[in-house]
Amino acid sequence: MPNYARKYQLSGSLGYHVFNRSNSRAQIFFEDKDYRYFIGLLKDYSKRFSLKIYHWAIMPNHYHLLLELEESERISKALAGINLCYTRYHHNFYKSVGFLWQGRFKSQPIQSERYLIACSRYIERNPVRSGLVKEAKDYHYSSARFYCLGEDDSLTLEDPLVSEFGSSQEERAKNYNKFLLSSDPKQEAIFREMDTPCVEPGFMRRLKRSNGHYLLKK
């Protein structure tokens, strides 16, 4: 991980690690068109709700997002809309019925630069841990290809912290890819459980608990 020269500050906004899994962990993304439809939903809702999606990964039965938004209370409405739209698509195309998702999405506040960049690695290494690919950049349904290969997916907004991986795009891509080749089991455990907000101690006073999610106090 680079030695950061600049401090990343969230002014009036908060980063979230968002996760949701299918009901009974059943596969819900089967073909390329399924993934593309969900990516299209993310694009649409990122515009409608001013979501800044920095890192993401869509797996066969779940998804992860690392996003930022100015009005944290809108996160529930945005994610509920995304999940509902994909449920309708899935029911219509695959003739499925009932609950598609295991429940409400989970969200973990991410505030400090230490955890933001570590969370990005956890998200983009999901396909590697699952044995789908050998390297994160080889998976077509995550933001890893944006950072490692320079592929514009019209969804990923470049993470401000990634600028610290090098002075040129080529250098940043090389160093970020190297970053994704390693892992930290202790950090991964934090993001896997999602119960602990990853914020600086003083920032906790700015948060409130509402309907199972941490939101910024107005």
C-alpha atoms as a PDB file:
ATOM      1  CA  MET A   1       0.000   0.000   0.000  1.00  0.00           C
ATOM      2  CA  PRO A   2       1.375   3.460  -0.847  1.00  0.00           C
ATOM      3  CA  ASN A   3       2.536   5.916   1.797  1.00  0.00           C
ATOM      4  CA  TYR A   4      -0.153   8.548   1.451  1.00  0.00           C
ATOM      5  CA  ALA A   5       1.058  12.112   1.051  1.00  0.00           C
ATOM      6  CA  ARG A   6      -2.423  13.610   1.264  1.00  0.00           C
ATOM      7  CA  LYS A   7      -5.206  12.972   3.752  1.00  0.00           C
ATOM      8  CA  TYR A   8      -8.500  11.937   2.219  1.00  0.00           C
ATOM      9  CA  GLN A   9     -11.308  13.850   3.887  1.00  0.00           C
ATOM     10  CA  LEU A  10     -15.046  13.227   3.704  1.00  0.00           C
ATOM     11  CA  SER A  11     -16.645  16.628   4.100  1.00  0.00           C
ATOM     12  CA  GLY A  12     -20.333  16.216   4.887  1.00  0.00           C
ATOM     13  CA  SER A  13     -20.420  12.801   3.245  1.00  0.00           C
ATOM     14  CA  LEU A  14     -19.707   9.222   4.203  1.00  0.00           C
ATOM     15  CA  GLY A  15     -18.367   6.185   2.411  1.00  0.00           C
ATOM     16  CA  TYR A  16     -20.289   2.911   2.609  1.00  0.00           C
ATOM     17  CA  HIS A  17     -19.354  -0.686   1.978  1.00  0.00           C
ATOM     18  CA  VAL A  18     -22.652  -2.113   0.747  1.00  0.00           C
ATOM     19  CA  PHE A  19     -23.414  -5.816   0.468  1.00  0.00           C
ATOM     20  CA  ASN A  20     -26.400  -7.974  -0.392  1.00  0.00           C
ATOM     21  CA  ARG A  21     -26.763 -11.683  -1.109  1.00  0.00           C
ATOM     22  CA  SER A  22     -29.469 -13.773  -2.763  1.00  0.00           C
ATOM     23  CA  ASN A  23     -32.030 -15.725  -0.797  1.00  0.00           C
ATOM     24  CA  SER A  24     -30.600 -19.115   0.278  1.00  0.00           C
ATOM     25  CA  ARG A  25     -27.367 -18.079  -1.477  1.00  0.00           C
ATOM     26  CA  ALA A  26     -28.803 -19.251  -4.783  1.00  0.00           C
ATOM     27  CA  GLN A  27     -27.209 -18.092  -8.013  1.00  0.00           C
ATOM     28  CA  ILE A  28     -29.086 -15.114  -9.474  1.00  0.00           C
ATOM     29  CA  PHE A  29     -26.606 -13.868 -12.078  1.00  0.00           C
ATOM     30  CA  PHE A  30     -26.192 -16.474 -14.803  1.00  0.00           C
ATOM     31  CA  GLU A  31     -25.371 -14.854 -18.127  1.00  0.00           C
ATOM     32  CA  ASP A  32     -23.535 -11.767 -19.280  1.00  0.00           C
ATOM     33  CA  LYS A  33     -26.839  -9.987 -19.886  1.00  0.00           C
ATOM     34  CA  ASP A  34     -27.798 -10.445 -16.212  1.00  0.00           C
ATOM     35  CA  TYR A  35     -24.628  -8.771 -15.025  1.00  0.00           C
ATOM     36  CA  ARG A  36     -24.985  -6.037 -17.650  1.00  0.00           C
ATOM     37  CA  TYR A  37     -28.562  -5.345 -16.616  1.00  0.00           C
ATOM     38  CA  PHE A  38     -27.517  -4.958 -12.979  1.00  0.00           C
ATOM     39  CA  ILE A  39     -24.617  -2.703 -13.974  1.00  0.00           C
ATOM     40  CA  GLY A  40     -27.119  -0.628 -15.933  1.00  0.00           C
ATOM     41  CA  LEU A  41     -29.231  -0.288 -12.794  1.00  0.00           C
ATOM     42  CA  LEU A  42     -26.185   0.893 -10.849  1.00  0.00           C
ATOM     43  CA  LYS A  43     -25.474   3.501 -13.511  1.00  0.00           C
ATOM     44  CA  ASP A  44     -29.064   4.717 -13.495  1.00  0.00           C
ATOM     45  CA  TYR A  45     -29.383   4.950  -9.730  1.00  0.00           C
ATOM     46  CA  SER A  46     -25.950   6.516  -9.300  1.00  0.00           C
ATOM     47  CA  LYS A  47     -27.215   9.413 -11.431  1.00  0.00           C
ATOM     48  CA  ARG A  48     -30.632   9.633  -9.763  1.00  0.00           C
ATOM     49  CA  PHE A  49     -29.242   9.596  -6.219  1.00  0.00           C
ATOM     50  CA  SER A  50     -25.827  11.193  -6.828  1.00  0.00           C
ATOM     51  CA  LEU A  51     -23.995   8.043  -5.767  1.00  0.00           C
ATOM     52  CA  LYS A  52     -20.239   7.992  -6.245  1.00  0.00           C
ATOM     53  CA  ILE A  53     -19.397   4.338  -6.859  1.00  0.00           C
ATOM     54  CA  TYR A  54     -15.638   3.908  -6.432  1.00  0.00           C
ATOM     55  CA  HIS A  55     -15.335   0.110  -6.265  1.00  0.00           C
ATOM     56  CA  TRP A  56     -17.727  -2.752  -6.970  1.00  0.00           C
ATOM     57  CA  ALA A  57     -17.983  -6.455  -7.708  1.00  0.00           C
ATOM     58  CA  ILE A  58     -20.967  -8.498  -8.850  1.00  0.00           C
ATOM     59  CA  MET A  59     -20.694 -12.173  -7.980  1.00  0.00           C
ATOM     60  CA  PRO A  60     -23.014 -15.032  -9.046  1.00  0.00           C
ATOM     61  CA  ASN A  61     -25.106 -14.721  -5.875  1.00  0.00           C
ATOM     62  CA  HIS A  62     -24.181 -11.387  -4.270  1.00  0.00           C
ATOM     63  CA  TYR A  63     -22.670  -7.970  -4.831  1.00  0.00           C
ATOM     64  CA  HIS A  64     -20.386  -5.484  -3.084  1.00  0.00           C
ATOM     65  CA  LEU A  65     -20.199  -1.723  -3.568  1.00  0.00           C
ATOM     66  CA  LEU A  66     -17.980   0.967  -2.079  1.00  0.00           C
ATOM     67  CA  LEU A  67     -19.827   4.209  -2.573  1.00  0.00           C
ATOM     68  CA  GLU A  68     -20.168   7.707  -1.248  1.00  0.00           C
ATOM     69  CA  LEU A  69     -23.193   9.986  -1.103  1.00  0.00           C
ATOM     70  CA  GLU A  70     -23.838  13.385   0.432  1.00  0.00           C
ATOM     71  CA  GLU A  71     -27.262  12.546   1.895  1.00  0.00           C
ATOM     72  CA  SER A  72     -26.716   9.285   3.738  1.00  0.00           C
ATOM     73  CA  GLU A  73     -30.406   8.899   4.571  1.00  0.00           C
ATOM     74  CA  ARG A  74     -31.102   8.281   0.862  1.00  0.00           C
ATOM     75  CA  ILE A  75     -29.019   5.120   0.740  1.00  0.00           C
ATOM     76  CA  SER A  76     -31.936   2.875   1.747  1.00  0.00           C
ATOM     77  CA  LYS A  77     -34.202   4.222  -0.994  1.00  0.00           C
ATOM     78  CA  ALA A  78     -31.474   3.910  -3.628  1.00  0.00           C
ATOM     79  CA  LEU A  79     -30.512   0.323  -2.774  1.00  0.00           C
ATOM     80  CA  ALA A  80     -34.117  -0.761  -2.321  1.00  0.00           C
ATOM     81  CA  GLY A  81     -34.847   0.510  -5.821  1.00  0.00           C
ATOM     82  CA  ILE A  82     -31.889  -1.329  -7.334  1.00  0.00           C
ATOM     83  CA  ASN A  83     -32.792  -4.596  -5.623  1.00  0.00           C
ATOM     84  CA  LEU A  84     -36.461  -4.328  -6.562  1.00  0.00           C
ATOM     85  CA  CYS A  85     -35.714  -3.607 -10.231  1.00  0.00           C
ATOM     86  CA  TYR A  86     -33.400  -6.597 -10.493  1.00  0.00           C
ATOM     87  CA  THR A  87     -35.977  -8.804  -8.748  1.00  0.00           C
ATOM     88  CA  ARG A  88     -38.581  -7.848 -11.357  1.00  0.00           C
ATOM     89  CA  TYR A  89     -36.101  -8.505 -14.164  1.00  0.00           C
ATOM     90  CA  HIS A  90     -35.187 -11.905 -12.732  1.00  0.00           C
ATOM     91  CA  HIS A  91     -38.800 -12.959 -12.153  1.00  0.00           C
ATOM     92  CA  ASN A  92     -39.766 -11.878 -15.653  1.00  0.00           C
ATOM     93  CA  PHE A  93     -36.885 -13.554 -17.477  1.00  0.00           C
ATOM     94  CA  TYR A  94     -36.372 -16.696 -15.362  1.00  0.00           C
ATOM     95  CA  LYS A  95     -40.013 -17.102 -14.264  1.00  0.00           C
ATOM     96  CA  SER A  96     -38.922 -17.137 -10.628  1.00  0.00           C
ATOM     97  CA  VAL A  97     -41.174 -16.193  -7.699  1.00  0.00           C
ATOM     98  CA  GLY A  98     -40.807 -15.074  -4.110  1.00  0.00           C
ATOM     99  CA  PHE A  99     -37.962 -13.249  -2.418  1.00  0.00           C
ATOM    100  CA  LEU A 100     -34.836 -12.928  -4.524  1.00  0.00           C
ATOM    101  CA  TRP A 101     -32.628 -11.351  -1.826  1.00  0.00           C
ATOM    102  CA  GLN A 102     -31.952 -12.720   1.639  1.00  0.00           C
ATOM    103  CA  GLY A 103     -33.200  -9.508   3.222  1.00  0.00           C
ATOM    104  CA  ARG A 104     -32.275  -5.871   3.470  1.00  0.00           C
ATOM    105  CA  PHE A 105     -28.841  -4.901   2.274  1.00  0.00           C
ATOM    106  CA  LYS A 106     -26.019  -4.426   4.760  1.00  0.00           C
ATOM    107  CA  SER A 107     -24.020  -1.224   4.906  1.00  0.00           C
ATOM    108  CA  GLN A 108     -20.742  -0.564   6.708  1.00  0.00           C
ATOM    109  CA  PRO A 109     -19.555   3.054   7.181  1.00  0.00           C
ATOM    110  CA  ILE A 110     -16.058   3.573   5.782  1.00  0.00           C
ATOM    111  CA  GLN A 111     -14.359   6.847   6.639  1.00  0.00           C
ATOM    112  CA  SER A 112     -10.610   6.732   7.118  1.00  0.00           C
ATOM    113  CA  GLU A 113      -8.180   6.433   4.233  1.00  0.00           C
ATOM    114  CA  ARG A 114      -6.710   3.317   5.807  1.00  0.00           C
ATOM    115  CA  TYR A 115      -9.982   1.447   5.502  1.00  0.00           C
ATOM    116  CA  LEU A 116     -11.210   2.935   2.227  1.00  0.00           C
ATOM    117  CA  ILE A 117      -8.369   1.545   0.166  1.00  0.00           C
ATOM    118  CA  ALA A 118      -8.299  -1.712   2.134  1.00  0.00           C
ATOM    119  CA  CYS A 119     -12.020  -2.158   1.473  1.00  0.00           C
ATOM    120  CA  SER A 120     -11.452  -1.657  -2.243  1.00  0.00           C
ATOM    121  CA  ARG A 121      -9.031  -4.583  -2.236  1.00  0.00           C
ATOM    122  CA  TYR A 122     -11.453  -6.763  -0.286  1.00  0.00           C
ATOM    123  CA  ILE A 123     -14.215  -6.057  -2.800  1.00  0.00           C
ATOM    124  CA  GLU A 124     -12.179  -6.556  -5.957  1.00  0.00           C
ATOM    125  CA  ARG A 125     -10.495  -9.722  -4.684  1.00  0.00           C
ATOM    126  CA  ASN A 126     -13.873 -11.438  -4.177  1.00  0.00           C
ATOM    127  CA  PRO A 127     -13.662 -13.319  -7.509  1.00  0.00           C
ATOM    128  CA  VAL A 128     -10.129 -14.469  -6.617  1.00  0.00           C
ATOM    129  CA  ARG A 129     -11.163 -15.796  -3.206  1.00  0.00           C
ATOM    130  CA  SER A 130     -14.088 -17.590  -4.849  1.00  0.00           C
ATOM    131  CA  GLY A 131     -11.810 -19.282  -7.366  1.00  0.00           C
ATOM    132  CA  LEU A 132     -13.448 -17.672 -10.408  1.00  0.00           C
ATOM    133  CA  VAL A 133     -10.212 -16.062 -11.625  1.00  0.00           C
ATOM    134  CA  LYS A 134      -6.544 -16.089 -10.684  1.00  0.00           C
ATOM    135  CA  GLU A 135      -6.169 -12.302 -10.696  1.00  0.00           C
ATOM    136  CA  ALA A 136      -8.728  -9.613  -9.911  1.00  0.00           C
ATOM    137  CA  LYS A 137      -8.167  -7.837 -13.224  1.00  0.00           C
ATOM    138  CA  ASP A 138      -9.348 -10.941 -15.113  1.00  0.00           C
ATOM    139  CA  TYR A 139     -12.892 -10.708 -13.729  1.00  0.00           C
ATOM    140  CA  HIS A 140     -15.224  -8.794 -16.049  1.00  0.00           C
ATOM    141  CA  TYR A 141     -17.852  -7.777 -13.508  1.00  0.00           C
ATOM    142  CA  SER A 142     -15.904  -5.601 -11.093  1.00  0.00           C
ATOM    143  CA  SER A 143     -14.087  -2.276 -10.994  1.00  0.00           C
ATOM    144  CA  ALA A 144     -10.674  -3.988 -10.985  1.00  0.00           C
ATOM    145  CA  ARG A 145     -10.387  -3.708 -14.769  1.00  0.00           C
ATOM    146  CA  PHE A 146     -11.024   0.039 -14.537  1.00  0.00           C
ATOM    147  CA  TYR A 147      -8.044   0.503 -12.222  1.00  0.00           C
ATOM    148  CA  CYS A 148      -5.701  -2.201 -13.540  1.00  0.00           C
ATOM    149  CA  LEU A 149      -6.396  -2.037 -17.282  1.00  0.00           C
ATOM    150  CA  GLY A 150      -7.826   1.429 -17.749  1.00  0.00           C
ATOM    151  CA  GLU A 151     -11.166   0.132 -19.071  1.00  0.00           C
ATOM    152  CA  ASP A 152     -13.911   2.765 -18.874  1.00  0.00           C
ATOM    153  CA  ASP A 153     -17.087   1.040 -17.687  1.00  0.00           C
ATOM    154  CA  SER A 154     -19.171   4.253 -17.423  1.00  0.00           C
ATOM    155  CA  LEU A 155     -19.888   3.352 -13.798  1.00  0.00           C
ATOM    156  CA  THR A 156     -16.707   3.535 -11.737  1.00  0.00           C
ATOM    157  CA  LEU A 157     -15.725   6.946 -10.433  1.00  0.00           C
ATOM    158  CA  GLU A 158     -11.991   6.998  -9.795  1.00  0.00           C
ATOM    159  CA  ASP A 159     -11.159   6.646  -6.114  1.00  0.00           C
ATOM    160  CA  PRO A 160      -9.206   9.775  -4.994  1.00  0.00           C
ATOM    161  CA  LEU A 161      -6.818   7.561  -3.032  1.00  0.00           C
ATOM    162  CA  VAL A 162      -5.706   5.657  -6.123  1.00  0.00           C
ATOM    163  CA  SER A 163      -3.841   8.773  -7.272  1.00  0.00           C
ATOM    164  CA  GLU A 164      -1.264   7.927  -4.601  1.00  0.00           C
ATOM    165  CA  PHE A 165      -0.289   4.744  -6.433  1.00  0.00           C
ATOM    166  CA  GLY A 166       1.683   6.691  -9.036  1.00  0.00           C
ATOM    167  CA  SER A 167       2.097   9.905 -10.996  1.00  0.00           C
ATOM    168  CA  SER A 168       0.910   8.454 -14.318  1.00  0.00           C
ATOM    169  CA  GLN A 169      -1.988   6.223 -15.270  1.00  0.00           C
ATOM    170  CA  GLU A 170       0.402   3.455 -16.295  1.00  0.00           C
ATOM    171  CA  GLU A 171       2.247   3.592 -12.973  1.00  0.00           C
ATOM    172  CA  ARG A 172      -0.983   3.678 -10.973  1.00  0.00           C
ATOM    173  CA  ALA A 173      -2.383   0.707 -12.874  1.00  0.00           C
ATOM    174  CA  LYS A 174       0.783  -1.328 -12.361  1.00  0.00           C
ATOM    175  CA  ASN A 175       1.043  -0.571  -8.649  1.00  0.00           C
ATOM    176  CA  TYR A 176      -2.667  -1.038  -8.002  1.00  0.00           C
ATOM    177  CA  ASN A 177      -2.607  -4.403  -9.737  1.00  0.00           C
ATOM    178  CA  LYS A 178       0.315  -5.386  -7.526  1.00  0.00           C
ATOM    179  CA  PHE A 179      -1.703  -4.215  -4.517  1.00  0.00           C
ATOM    180  CA  LEU A 180      -4.555  -6.537  -5.511  1.00  0.00           C
ATOM    181  CA  LEU A 181      -2.203  -9.514  -5.722  1.00  0.00           C
ATOM    182  CA  SER A 182      -1.711  -9.418  -1.949  1.00  0.00           C
ATOM    183  CA  SER A 183      -4.211  -9.625   0.900  1.00  0.00           C
ATOM    184  CA  ASP A 184      -4.568  -8.970   4.626  1.00  0.00           C
ATOM    185  CA  PRO A 185      -6.672 -11.616   6.459  1.00  0.00           C
ATOM    186  CA  LYS A 186      -7.253  -9.366   9.490  1.00  0.00           C
ATOM    187  CA  GLN A 187      -8.642  -6.564   7.353  1.00  0.00           C
ATOM    188  CA  GLU A 188     -10.713  -8.992   5.316  1.00  0.00           C
ATOM    189  CA  ALA A 189     -12.367 -10.232   8.514  1.00  0.00           C
ATOM    190  CA  ILE A 190     -13.530  -6.685   9.300  1.00  0.00           C
ATOM    191  CA  PHE A 191     -15.193  -6.243   5.919  1.00  0.00           C
ATOM    192  CA  ARG A 192     -16.626  -9.754   5.914  1.00  0.00           C
ATOM    193  CA  GLU A 193     -18.506  -9.281   9.182  1.00  0.00           C
ATOM    194  CA  MET A 194     -19.566  -5.690   8.390  1.00  0.00           C
ATOM    195  CA  ASP A 195     -20.678  -5.077  11.998  1.00  0.00           C
ATOM    196  CA  THR A 196     -17.952  -2.604  12.902  1.00  0.00           C
ATOM    197  CA  PRO A 197     -17.915   0.895  11.355  1.00  0.00           C
ATOM    198  CA  CYS A 198     -14.481   1.634   9.900  1.00  0.00           C
ATOM    199  CA  VAL A 199     -14.187   5.234  11.042  1.00  0.00           C
ATOM    200  CA  GLU A 200     -11.886   7.292  13.206  1.00  0.00           C
ATOM    201  CA  PRO A 201     -12.979   7.443  16.892  1.00  0.00           C
ATOM    202  CA  GLY A 202     -14.047  11.070  16.704  1.00  0.00           C
ATOM    203  CA  PHE A 203     -16.188  10.432  13.655  1.00  0.00           C
ATOM    204  CA  MET A 204     -18.452   7.985  15.525  1.00  0.00           C
ATOM    205  CA  ARG A 205     -20.076  10.969  17.273  1.00  0.00           C
ATOM    206  CA  ARG A 206     -21.350  12.127  13.896  1.00  0.00           C
ATOM    207  CA  LEU A 207     -23.224   8.870  13.263  1.00  0.00           C
ATOM    208  CA  LYS A 208     -26.618   7.626  14.338  1.00  0.00           C
ATOM    209  CA  ARG A 209     -28.174   4.167  14.064  1.00  0.00           C
ATOM    210  CA  SER A 210     -31.416   4.017  12.087  1.00  0.00           C
ATOM    211  CA  ASN A 211     -33.212   0.873  10.825  1.00  0.00           C
ATOM    212  CA  GLY A 212     -30.027  -1.163  11.071  1.00  0.00           C
ATOM    213  CA  HIS A 213     -27.842   1.340   9.224  1.00  0.00           C
ATOM    214  CA  TYR A 214     -25.410   4.020  10.360  1.00  0.00           C
ATOM    215  CA  LEU A 215     -26.299   7.456   9.007  1.00  0.00           C
ATOM    216  CA  LEU A 216     -24.781  10.902   9.395  1.00  0.00           C
ATOM    217  CA  LYS A 217     -26.511  13.092  11.938  1.00  0.00           C
ATOM    218  CA  LYS A 218     -28.018  16.218  10.428  1.00  0.00           C
END
